[in-house]
Amino acid sequence: MDFTNPLVYGAPAFIAFILLELTYSKTHGDDDLYDWKDFAASSAMGIGSAIIGPLLKVILLVVLFEWAYELFNPLVDGVRTNIMGYESFGYAWYVWLLCQLADDFTYYWFHRANHEIRILWAAHIVHHSSDNFNLGTAIRNGWFTLLYKPFFYVWMPIIGFPVEMVV
C-alpha cells in the first residue's frame, strides 16, 4: 500500500465522516438528512466514477496530454522548447506552485462551464440532482464529465507544464 498517496487516508476519512453524519442525524432526530434510496444512488454514482475515472485518466489524460506536450514542446538539441520559442517548464518548486494555480484556475472554469453550457449541464446535473444536502451527495458525480474534462486541462501541457506534473 502506498502511504504517500493522499487517497489512502482521504477516502477512508471521507467514509468515516459520512458515517458520523449519518449516525448523528439518526440519533438527533434529523431523519430527513439521509434518504436510503438517494444515498444508494449517490454511492453507486461515486463507485462507478471511482472505477471509470482511473481508466479514462490513463487513456485520455496520458495519451492526450502526452501528444499535446510532444507536439507543442518538441525536443530540440536535447532541450524541450515550446513552439512559441521559450524553454518548456522544468520541475523547480515554483513551477509546481504555478501548476497548482493553473489547475485551480482551470477547475474553476471547467465547473463554471458545467453550469452555463447546456450540454455540459446535462452531464453535470447528476451532481445536483439529490434532494438532500449531505456528505453522501458529494460523491454523486456524473460519468460523462470524465470524458470531456481533460480537454479543459490540455492547455497546460501545451504551454509547457510536464505531463506528469499536470496529471
Protein backbone atom coordinates (compact mmCIF):
# COMPACT_ATOMS: atom_id res chain seq x y z
CA MET A 1 0.00 0.00 0.00
CA ASP A 2 1.33 3.44 -0.98
CA PHE A 3 1.08 5.62 2.12
CA THR A 4 2.29 8.68 0.19
CA ASN A 5 -0.96 8.70 -1.79
CA PRO A 6 -3.47 11.04 -0.07
CA LEU A 7 -6.37 8.81 -1.17
CA VAL A 8 -5.11 6.13 1.21
CA TYR A 9 -6.12 8.47 4.04
CA GLY A 10 -8.71 10.67 2.31
CA ALA A 11 -11.18 8.04 1.13
CA PRO A 12 -11.49 6.21 4.49
CA ALA A 13 -11.69 9.56 6.32
CA PHE A 14 -14.46 10.74 3.99
CA ILE A 15 -16.40 7.50 4.50
CA ALA A 16 -15.94 7.89 8.27
CA PHE A 17 -17.34 11.44 8.11
CA ILE A 18 -20.35 10.18 6.12
CA LEU A 19 -20.98 7.50 8.77
CA LEU A 20 -20.55 10.08 11.53
CA GLU A 21 -23.02 12.44 9.84
CA LEU A 22 -25.45 9.58 9.29
CA THR A 23 -25.20 8.45 12.92
CA TYR A 24 -25.61 12.00 14.22
CA SER A 25 -28.67 12.62 12.05
CA LYS A 26 -30.36 9.39 13.18
CA THR A 27 -29.60 9.91 16.90
CA HIS A 28 -30.65 13.57 16.92
CA GLY A 29 -33.99 13.17 15.19
CA ASP A 30 -32.98 14.56 11.78
CA ASP A 31 -34.24 11.61 9.73
CA ASP A 32 -34.71 13.80 6.65
CA LEU A 33 -30.98 14.34 6.17
CA TYR A 34 -30.43 10.88 4.64
CA ASP A 35 -32.83 9.05 2.35
CA TRP A 36 -31.58 5.49 1.82
CA LYS A 37 -32.54 5.27 -1.87
CA ASP A 38 -30.90 8.63 -2.54
CA PHE A 39 -27.80 7.59 -0.62
CA ALA A 40 -27.65 4.30 -2.57
CA ALA A 41 -27.87 6.25 -5.86
CA SER A 42 -25.11 8.62 -4.72
CA SER A 43 -22.94 5.69 -3.64
CA ALA A 44 -23.45 3.87 -6.95
CA MET A 45 -22.53 7.01 -8.90
CA GLY A 46 -19.47 7.55 -6.72
CA ILE A 47 -18.29 3.95 -7.03
CA GLY A 48 -18.85 3.98 -10.79
CA SER A 49 -16.91 7.23 -11.07
CA ALA A 50 -14.09 5.75 -8.98
CA ILE A 51 -13.89 2.76 -11.33
CA ILE A 52 -14.31 4.57 -14.65
CA GLY A 53 -12.20 7.60 -13.68
CA PRO A 54 -8.77 5.93 -13.50
CA LEU A 55 -9.37 4.03 -16.74
CA LEU A 56 -10.29 7.19 -18.61
CA LYS A 57 -7.43 9.10 -16.99
CA VAL A 58 -4.93 6.62 -18.35
CA ILE A 59 -6.47 6.72 -21.80
CA LEU A 60 -7.48 10.37 -22.15
CA LEU A 61 -5.11 12.23 -19.88
CA VAL A 62 -1.90 10.44 -20.59
CA VAL A 63 -2.46 9.93 -24.32
CA LEU A 64 -3.98 13.37 -24.98
CA PHE A 65 -1.60 15.27 -22.70
CA GLU A 66 1.48 13.40 -23.92
CA TRP A 67 0.51 14.01 -27.56
CA ALA A 68 -0.11 17.74 -26.90
CA TYR A 69 3.11 18.11 -24.89
CA GLU A 70 5.23 16.41 -27.56
CA LEU A 71 3.58 18.37 -30.38
CA PHE A 72 3.88 21.81 -28.79
CA ASN A 73 7.14 21.23 -26.88
CA PRO A 74 9.44 19.30 -29.23
CA LEU A 75 12.87 18.18 -28.16
CA VAL A 76 15.35 20.45 -29.98
CA ASP A 77 19.07 19.75 -29.48
CA GLY A 78 18.37 17.98 -26.20
CA VAL A 79 16.23 20.84 -24.82
CA ARG A 80 12.45 20.84 -24.70
CA THR A 81 11.40 24.07 -26.43
CA ASN A 82 7.84 25.33 -26.79
CA ILE A 83 6.77 26.25 -30.31
CA MET A 84 6.45 29.85 -29.09
CA GLY A 85 10.25 29.84 -28.66
CA TYR A 86 10.75 29.59 -24.90
CA GLU A 87 12.16 26.64 -22.99
CA SER A 88 9.43 24.40 -21.55
CA PHE A 89 8.91 24.45 -17.80
CA GLY A 90 11.05 22.18 -15.65
CA TYR A 91 10.45 20.80 -12.19
CA ALA A 92 11.53 23.69 -9.98
CA TRP A 93 9.48 24.19 -6.81
CA TYR A 94 7.89 27.40 -8.12
CA VAL A 95 6.75 25.63 -11.30
CA TRP A 96 4.83 23.19 -9.10
CA LEU A 97 3.12 26.17 -7.44
CA LEU A 98 2.32 27.71 -10.82
CA CYS A 99 0.93 24.37 -11.98
CA GLN A 100 -1.28 24.20 -8.87
CA LEU A 101 -2.60 27.71 -9.55
CA ALA A 102 -3.20 26.84 -13.21
CA ASP A 103 -5.02 23.67 -12.14
CA ASP A 104 -7.24 25.59 -9.73
CA PHE A 105 -7.92 28.26 -12.38
CA THR A 106 -8.85 25.56 -14.90
CA TYR A 107 -11.12 23.74 -12.46
CA TYR A 108 -12.99 26.98 -11.78
CA TRP A 109 -13.69 27.47 -15.49
CA PHE A 110 -14.47 23.78 -16.01
CA HIS A 111 -17.05 23.86 -13.20
CA ARG A 112 -18.48 27.19 -14.30
CA ALA A 113 -18.84 25.92 -17.87
CA ASN A 114 -20.68 22.89 -16.50
CA HIS A 115 -23.25 25.27 -15.06
CA GLU A 116 -23.54 27.63 -18.02
CA ILE A 117 -23.31 25.45 -21.16
CA ARG A 118 -26.44 23.35 -21.62
CA ILE A 119 -24.82 20.17 -22.97
CA LEU A 120 -22.29 20.22 -20.13
CA TRP A 121 -25.03 20.98 -17.60
CA ALA A 122 -26.87 17.87 -18.85
CA ALA A 123 -23.86 15.81 -17.72
CA HIS A 124 -23.17 17.79 -14.53
CA ILE A 125 -26.74 17.97 -13.21
CA VAL A 126 -26.33 14.46 -11.81
CA HIS A 127 -24.19 16.04 -9.08
CA HIS A 128 -27.01 18.46 -8.21
CA SER A 129 -29.92 16.04 -8.55
CA SER A 130 -30.30 15.00 -4.90
CA ASP A 131 -32.99 16.47 -2.69
CA ASN A 132 -30.65 16.10 0.28
CA PHE A 133 -27.65 18.19 1.19
CA ASN A 134 -25.21 15.88 2.95
CA LEU A 135 -21.74 14.38 2.52
CA GLY A 136 -23.19 11.34 0.74
CA THR A 137 -24.41 13.63 -2.04
CA ALA A 138 -20.84 14.87 -2.60
CA ILE A 139 -19.86 11.52 -4.13
CA ARG A 140 -22.66 11.75 -6.70
CA ASN A 141 -20.59 12.52 -9.80
CA GLY A 142 -21.59 12.23 -13.43
CA TRP A 143 -19.62 9.78 -15.51
CA PHE A 144 -19.91 11.65 -18.80
CA THR A 145 -17.99 14.64 -17.39
CA LEU A 146 -14.94 12.39 -17.18
CA LEU A 147 -14.89 12.25 -21.00
CA TYR A 148 -14.60 15.99 -21.65
CA LYS A 149 -12.83 17.26 -18.53
CA PRO A 150 -9.31 16.59 -19.93
CA PHE A 151 -9.98 18.96 -22.82
CA PHE A 152 -10.25 21.84 -20.34
CA TYR A 153 -6.80 20.97 -18.96
CA VAL A 154 -4.91 20.23 -22.18
CA TRP A 155 -3.70 23.85 -22.43
CA MET A 156 -1.35 23.19 -19.52
CA PRO A 157 0.91 20.64 -21.27
CA ILE A 158 0.60 22.71 -24.44
CA ILE A 159 2.24 25.74 -22.80
CA GLY A 160 5.00 23.59 -21.29
CA PHE A 161 3.96 22.01 -17.98
CA PRO A 162 5.26 18.41 -17.96
CA VAL A 163 2.50 15.81 -18.31
CA GLU A 164 3.21 14.05 -15.00
CA MET A 165 3.03 17.40 -13.21
CA VAL A 166 -0.39 18.16 -14.68
CA VAL A 167 -1.71 14.65 -14.01
